PDB file of N, CA and C in Angstrom:
ATOM      1  N   MET A   1     -21.754 -38.588 -39.458  1.00  0.00           N
ATOM      2  CA  MET A   1     -21.424 -38.887 -37.707  1.00  0.00           C
ATOM      3  C   MET A   1     -21.734 -37.510 -37.091  1.00  0.00           C
ATOM      4  N   PRO A   2     -22.389 -37.699 -36.001  1.00  0.00           N
ATOM      5  CA  PRO A   2     -22.490 -36.904 -34.825  1.00  0.00           C
ATOM      6  C   PRO A   2     -21.242 -36.314 -34.548  1.00  0.00           C
ATOM      7  N   LYS A   3     -21.722 -35.100 -34.053  1.00  0.00           N
ATOM      8  CA  LYS A   3     -20.397 -34.347 -33.177  1.00  0.00           C
ATOM      9  C   LYS A   3     -20.224 -34.918 -32.067  1.00  0.00           C
ATOM     10  N   LYS A   4     -19.024 -34.677 -31.822  1.00  0.00           N
ATOM     11  CA  LYS A   4     -18.425 -35.263 -30.292  1.00  0.00           C
ATOM     12  C   LYS A   4     -19.221 -34.586 -29.107  1.00  0.00           C
ATOM     13  N   PHE A   5     -18.965 -33.215 -29.003  1.00  0.00           N
ATOM     14  CA  PHE A   5     -19.402 -32.233 -28.239  1.00  0.00           C
ATOM     15  C   PHE A   5     -20.866 -31.457 -28.707  1.00  0.00           C
ATOM     16  N   VAL A   6     -21.826 -32.119 -28.115  1.00  0.00           N
ATOM     17  CA  VAL A   6     -23.262 -31.562 -28.502  1.00  0.00           C
ATOM     18  C   VAL A   6     -23.714 -30.377 -27.791  1.00  0.00           C
ATOM     19  N   GLY A   7     -23.072 -30.241 -26.724  1.00  0.00           N
ATOM     20  CA  GLY A   7     -23.294 -28.852 -25.854  1.00  0.00           C
ATOM     21  C   GLY A   7     -22.192 -28.231 -25.863  1.00  0.00           C
ATOM     22  N   GLU A   8     -21.675 -27.740 -24.788  1.00  0.00           N
ATOM     23  CA  GLU A   8     -20.838 -26.913 -24.521  1.00  0.00           C
ATOM     24  C   GLU A   8     -19.515 -27.645 -24.273  1.00  0.00           C
ATOM     25  N   ASN A   9     -18.337 -27.277 -24.270  1.00  0.00           N
ATOM     26  CA  ASN A   9     -16.981 -27.788 -24.156  1.00  0.00           C
ATOM     27  C   ASN A   9     -16.782 -27.501 -22.328  1.00  0.00           C
ATOM     28  N   SER A  10     -16.961 -28.552 -21.445  1.00  0.00           N
ATOM     29  CA  SER A  10     -16.938 -28.119 -20.139  1.00  0.00           C
ATOM     30  C   SER A  10     -15.408 -27.424 -19.627  1.00  0.00           C
ATOM     31  N   LYS A  11     -14.266 -28.113 -20.495  1.00  0.00           N
ATOM     32  CA  LYS A  11     -13.009 -27.552 -20.014  1.00  0.00           C
ATOM     33  C   LYS A  11     -12.750 -26.122 -20.102  1.00  0.00           C
ATOM     34  N   ALA A  12     -13.242 -25.606 -21.722  1.00  0.00           N
ATOM     35  CA  ALA A  12     -13.401 -24.168 -22.066  1.00  0.00           C
ATOM     36  C   ALA A  12     -14.158 -23.440 -21.262  1.00  0.00           C
ATOM     37  N   VAL A  13     -15.084 -23.689 -21.038  1.00  0.00           N
ATOM     38  CA  VAL A  13     -16.027 -22.935 -20.097  1.00  0.00           C
ATOM     39  C   VAL A  13     -15.468 -22.465 -18.958  1.00  0.00           C
ATOM     40  N   ALA A  14     -15.043 -23.849 -18.166  1.00  0.00           N
ATOM     41  CA  ALA A  14     -14.127 -23.579 -16.834  1.00  0.00           C
ATOM     42  C   ALA A  14     -12.926 -22.591 -16.759  1.00  0.00           C
ATOM     43  N   ALA A  15     -12.220 -22.715 -18.065  1.00  0.00           N
ATOM     44  CA  ALA A  15     -10.883 -22.028 -18.152  1.00  0.00           C
ATOM     45  C   ALA A  15     -11.409 -20.725 -18.511  1.00  0.00           C
ATOM     46  N   LYS A  16     -12.549 -20.113 -19.293  1.00  0.00           N
ATOM     47  CA  LYS A  16     -12.993 -19.166 -19.145  1.00  0.00           C
ATOM     48  C   LYS A  16     -13.585 -18.331 -18.022  1.00  0.00           C
ATOM     49  N   ALA A  17     -14.139 -19.010 -17.061  1.00  0.00           N
ATOM     50  CA  ALA A  17     -14.552 -18.606 -15.825  1.00  0.00           C
ATOM     51  C   ALA A  17     -13.442 -18.466 -14.913  1.00  0.00           C
ATOM     52  N   ARG A  18     -12.514 -19.210 -14.981  1.00  0.00           N
ATOM     53  CA  ARG A  18     -10.872 -18.983 -14.313  1.00  0.00           C
ATOM     54  C   ARG A  18     -10.354 -17.944 -14.771  1.00  0.00           C
ATOM     55  N   LYS A  19     -10.319 -17.592 -16.278  1.00  0.00           N
ATOM     56  CA  LYS A  19      -9.252 -16.418 -16.545  1.00  0.00           C
ATOM     57  C   LYS A  19     -10.417 -15.215 -16.150  1.00  0.00           C
ATOM     58  N   ALA A  20     -11.902 -15.111 -16.281  1.00  0.00           N
ATOM     59  CA  ALA A  20     -12.690 -14.020 -15.790  1.00  0.00           C
ATOM     60  C   ALA A  20     -12.363 -13.879 -14.328  1.00  0.00           C
ATOM     61  N   ALA A  21     -12.564 -14.671 -13.817  1.00  0.00           N
ATOM     62  CA  ALA A  21     -12.229 -14.445 -12.033  1.00  0.00           C
ATOM     63  C   ALA A  21     -10.698 -13.824 -11.844  1.00  0.00           C
ATOM     64  N   ALA A  22      -9.620 -14.235 -12.692  1.00  0.00           N
ATOM     65  CA  ALA A  22      -8.360 -13.678 -12.410  1.00  0.00           C
ATOM     66  C   ALA A  22      -8.340 -12.383 -12.938  1.00  0.00           C
ATOM     67  N   LYS A  23      -8.879 -12.023 -13.827  1.00  0.00           N
ATOM     68  CA  LYS A  23      -8.955 -10.274 -14.357  1.00  0.00           C
ATOM     69  C   LYS A  23      -9.879  -9.692 -13.569  1.00  0.00           C
ATOM     70  N   GLU A  24     -10.834 -10.048 -12.944  1.00  0.00           N
ATOM     71  CA  GLU A  24     -11.579  -9.286 -11.876  1.00  0.00           C
ATOM     72  C   GLU A  24     -10.667  -9.302 -10.987  1.00  0.00           C
ATOM     73  N   ALA A  25     -10.185 -10.402 -10.202  1.00  0.00           N
ATOM     74  CA  ALA A  25      -8.933 -10.078  -9.038  1.00  0.00           C
ATOM     75  C   ALA A  25      -7.993  -9.524  -9.408  1.00  0.00           C
ATOM     76  N   GLU A  26      -7.446  -9.137 -10.627  1.00  0.00           N
ATOM     77  CA  GLU A  26      -6.446  -8.235 -11.054  1.00  0.00           C
ATOM     78  C   GLU A  26      -6.933  -6.353 -11.028  1.00  0.00           C
ATOM     79  N   ILE A  27      -8.029  -6.662 -11.637  1.00  0.00           N
ATOM     80  CA  ILE A  27      -8.756  -5.151 -11.805  1.00  0.00           C
ATOM     81  C   ILE A  27      -8.893  -4.466 -10.582  1.00  0.00           C
ATOM     82  N   THR A  28      -9.334  -5.547  -9.508  1.00  0.00           N
ATOM     83  CA  THR A  28      -9.754  -4.840  -8.128  1.00  0.00           C
ATOM     84  C   THR A  28      -8.496  -4.632  -7.293  1.00  0.00           C
ATOM     85  N   ARG A  29      -7.585  -5.512  -7.644  1.00  0.00           N
ATOM     86  CA  ARG A  29      -6.006  -5.186  -7.016  1.00  0.00           C
ATOM     87  C   ARG A  29      -5.411  -3.698  -7.524  1.00  0.00           C
ATOM     88  N   LYS A  30      -5.712  -3.800  -8.734  1.00  0.00           N
ATOM     89  CA  LYS A  30      -5.236  -2.502  -9.277  1.00  0.00           C
ATOM     90  C   LYS A  30      -5.789  -1.036  -8.531  1.00  0.00           C
ATOM     91  N   ALA A  31      -7.275  -1.290  -8.642  1.00  0.00           N
ATOM     92  CA  ALA A  31      -8.044  -0.102  -8.269  1.00  0.00           C
ATOM     93  C   ALA A  31      -7.885   0.041  -6.881  1.00  0.00           C
ATOM     94  N   GLN A  32      -7.482  -0.782  -5.945  1.00  0.00           N
ATOM     95  CA  GLN A  32      -7.231  -0.799  -4.555  1.00  0.00           C
ATOM     96  C   GLN A  32      -5.762  -0.666  -4.190  1.00  0.00           C
ATOM     97  N   GLU A  33      -4.833  -0.763  -5.331  1.00  0.00           N
ATOM     98  CA  GLU A  33      -3.630   0.206  -5.229  1.00  0.00           C
ATOM     99  C   GLU A  33      -3.639   1.468  -5.608  1.00  0.00           C
ATOM    100  N   ALA A  34      -4.217   1.801  -6.370  1.00  0.00           N
ATOM    101  CA  ALA A  34      -4.382   3.179  -6.848  1.00  0.00           C
ATOM    102  C   ALA A  34      -5.201   4.138  -5.718  1.00  0.00           C
ATOM    103  N   GLU A  35      -6.150   3.603  -4.891  1.00  0.00           N
ATOM    104  CA  GLU A  35      -6.746   4.274  -4.010  1.00  0.00           C
ATOM    105  C   GLU A  35      -5.684   4.035  -2.668  1.00  0.00           C
ATOM    106  N   GLU A  36      -4.960   3.484  -2.555  1.00  0.00           N
ATOM    107  CA  GLU A  36      -4.077   3.501  -1.698  1.00  0.00           C
ATOM    108  C   GLU A  36      -2.703   4.483  -1.712  1.00  0.00           C
ATOM    109  N   LYS A  37      -2.354   4.374  -2.900  1.00  0.00           N
ATOM    110  CA  LYS A  37      -1.463   5.545  -3.453  1.00  0.00           C
ATOM    111  C   LYS A  37      -1.865   7.067  -3.471  1.00  0.00           C
ATOM    112  N   ALA A  38      -3.260   7.325  -3.613  1.00  0.00           N
ATOM    113  CA  ALA A  38      -4.012   8.432  -3.664  1.00  0.00           C
ATOM    114  C   ALA A  38      -3.919   8.938  -2.037  1.00  0.00           C
ATOM    115  N   TRP A  39      -4.241   7.916  -1.045  1.00  0.00           N
ATOM    116  CA  TRP A  39      -4.096   8.421   0.252  1.00  0.00           C
ATOM    117  C   TRP A  39      -2.910   8.315   0.973  1.00  0.00           C
ATOM    118  N   GLN A  40      -1.643   8.085   0.115  1.00  0.00           N
ATOM    119  CA  GLN A  40      -0.414   7.933   0.880  1.00  0.00           C
ATOM    120  C   GLN A  40      -0.103   9.311   1.446  1.00  0.00           C
ATOM    121  N   ASP A  41       0.487   9.253   2.709  1.00  0.00           N
ATOM    122  CA  ASP A  41       0.900  10.311   3.191  1.00  0.00           C
ATOM    123  C   ASP A  41       2.619  10.486   2.866  1.00  0.00           C
ATOM    124  N   ASP A  42       2.825  11.694   2.222  1.00  0.00           N
ATOM    125  CA  ASP A  42       4.231  11.716   1.648  1.00  0.00           C
ATOM    126  C   ASP A  42       4.813  13.246   1.607  1.00  0.00           C
ATOM    127  N   ASP A  43       4.261  13.665   2.802  1.00  0.00           N
ATOM    128  CA  ASP A  43       4.710  15.246   3.056  1.00  0.00           C
ATOM    129  C   ASP A  43       6.023  14.980   3.902  1.00  0.00           C
ATOM    130  N   LYS A  44       7.199  15.721   2.963  1.00  0.00           N
ATOM    131  CA  LYS A  44       8.548  15.502   3.438  1.00  0.00           C
ATOM    132  C   LYS A  44       8.506  16.288   4.900  1.00  0.00           C
ATOM    133  N   GLN A  45       8.079  17.565   4.779  1.00  0.00           N
ATOM    134  CA  GLN A  45       8.167  18.441   6.038  1.00  0.00           C
ATOM    135  C   GLN A  45       7.544  17.602   7.261  1.00  0.00           C
ATOM    136  N   LEU A  46       6.434  17.210   6.898  1.00  0.00           N
ATOM    137  CA  LEU A  46       5.688  16.482   8.134  1.00  0.00           C
ATOM    138  C   LEU A  46       6.838  15.191   8.548  1.00  0.00           C
ATOM    139  N   ALA A  47       7.153  14.353   7.813  1.00  0.00           N
ATOM    140  CA  ALA A  47       7.929  13.293   8.229  1.00  0.00           C
ATOM    141  C   ALA A  47       9.338  13.828   8.778  1.00  0.00           C
ATOM    142  N   LYS A  48       9.799  14.888   8.605  1.00  0.00           N
ATOM    143  CA  LYS A  48      10.863  15.522   9.152  1.00  0.00           C
ATOM    144  C   LYS A  48      10.608  15.760  10.717  1.00  0.00           C
ATOM    145  N   LYS A  49       9.553  16.329  11.076  1.00  0.00           N
ATOM    146  CA  LYS A  49       8.762  16.597  11.870  1.00  0.00           C
ATOM    147  C   LYS A  49       8.469  15.674  12.918  1.00  0.00           C
ATOM    148  N   LYS A  50       8.130  14.533  12.523  1.00  0.00           N
ATOM    149  CA  LYS A  50       7.842  13.449  13.232  1.00  0.00           C
ATOM    150  C   LYS A  50       9.227  12.938  13.844  1.00  0.00           C
ATOM    151  N   GLN A  51      10.253  12.921  13.022  1.00  0.00           N
ATOM    152  CA  GLN A  51      11.471  12.319  13.032  1.00  0.00           C
ATOM    153  C   GLN A  51      12.111  13.220  14.205  1.00  0.00           C
ATOM    154  N   LYS A  52      12.002  14.257  14.233  1.00  0.00           N
ATOM    155  CA  LYS A  52      12.853  15.326  15.260  1.00  0.00           C
ATOM    156  C   LYS A  52      11.863  14.928  16.781  1.00  0.00           C
ATOM    157  N   ALA A  53      10.572  14.947  16.953  1.00  0.00           N
ATOM    158  CA  ALA A  53       9.951  14.821  17.887  1.00  0.00           C
ATOM    159  C   ALA A  53       9.688  13.225  18.805  1.00  0.00           C
TER     160      ALA A  53
END
């Protein structure tokens, strides 16, 4: 008997592509959060000066 799927399983290929896209989005989101955290201004003395002014 011949195999049912001679080529590739289209549902599996679509699922792999969807998972890869989700993983890539997660990686870019984490990188962007890390960059935002690095540039965050958290100087307490400067915050007090701005609050007084």
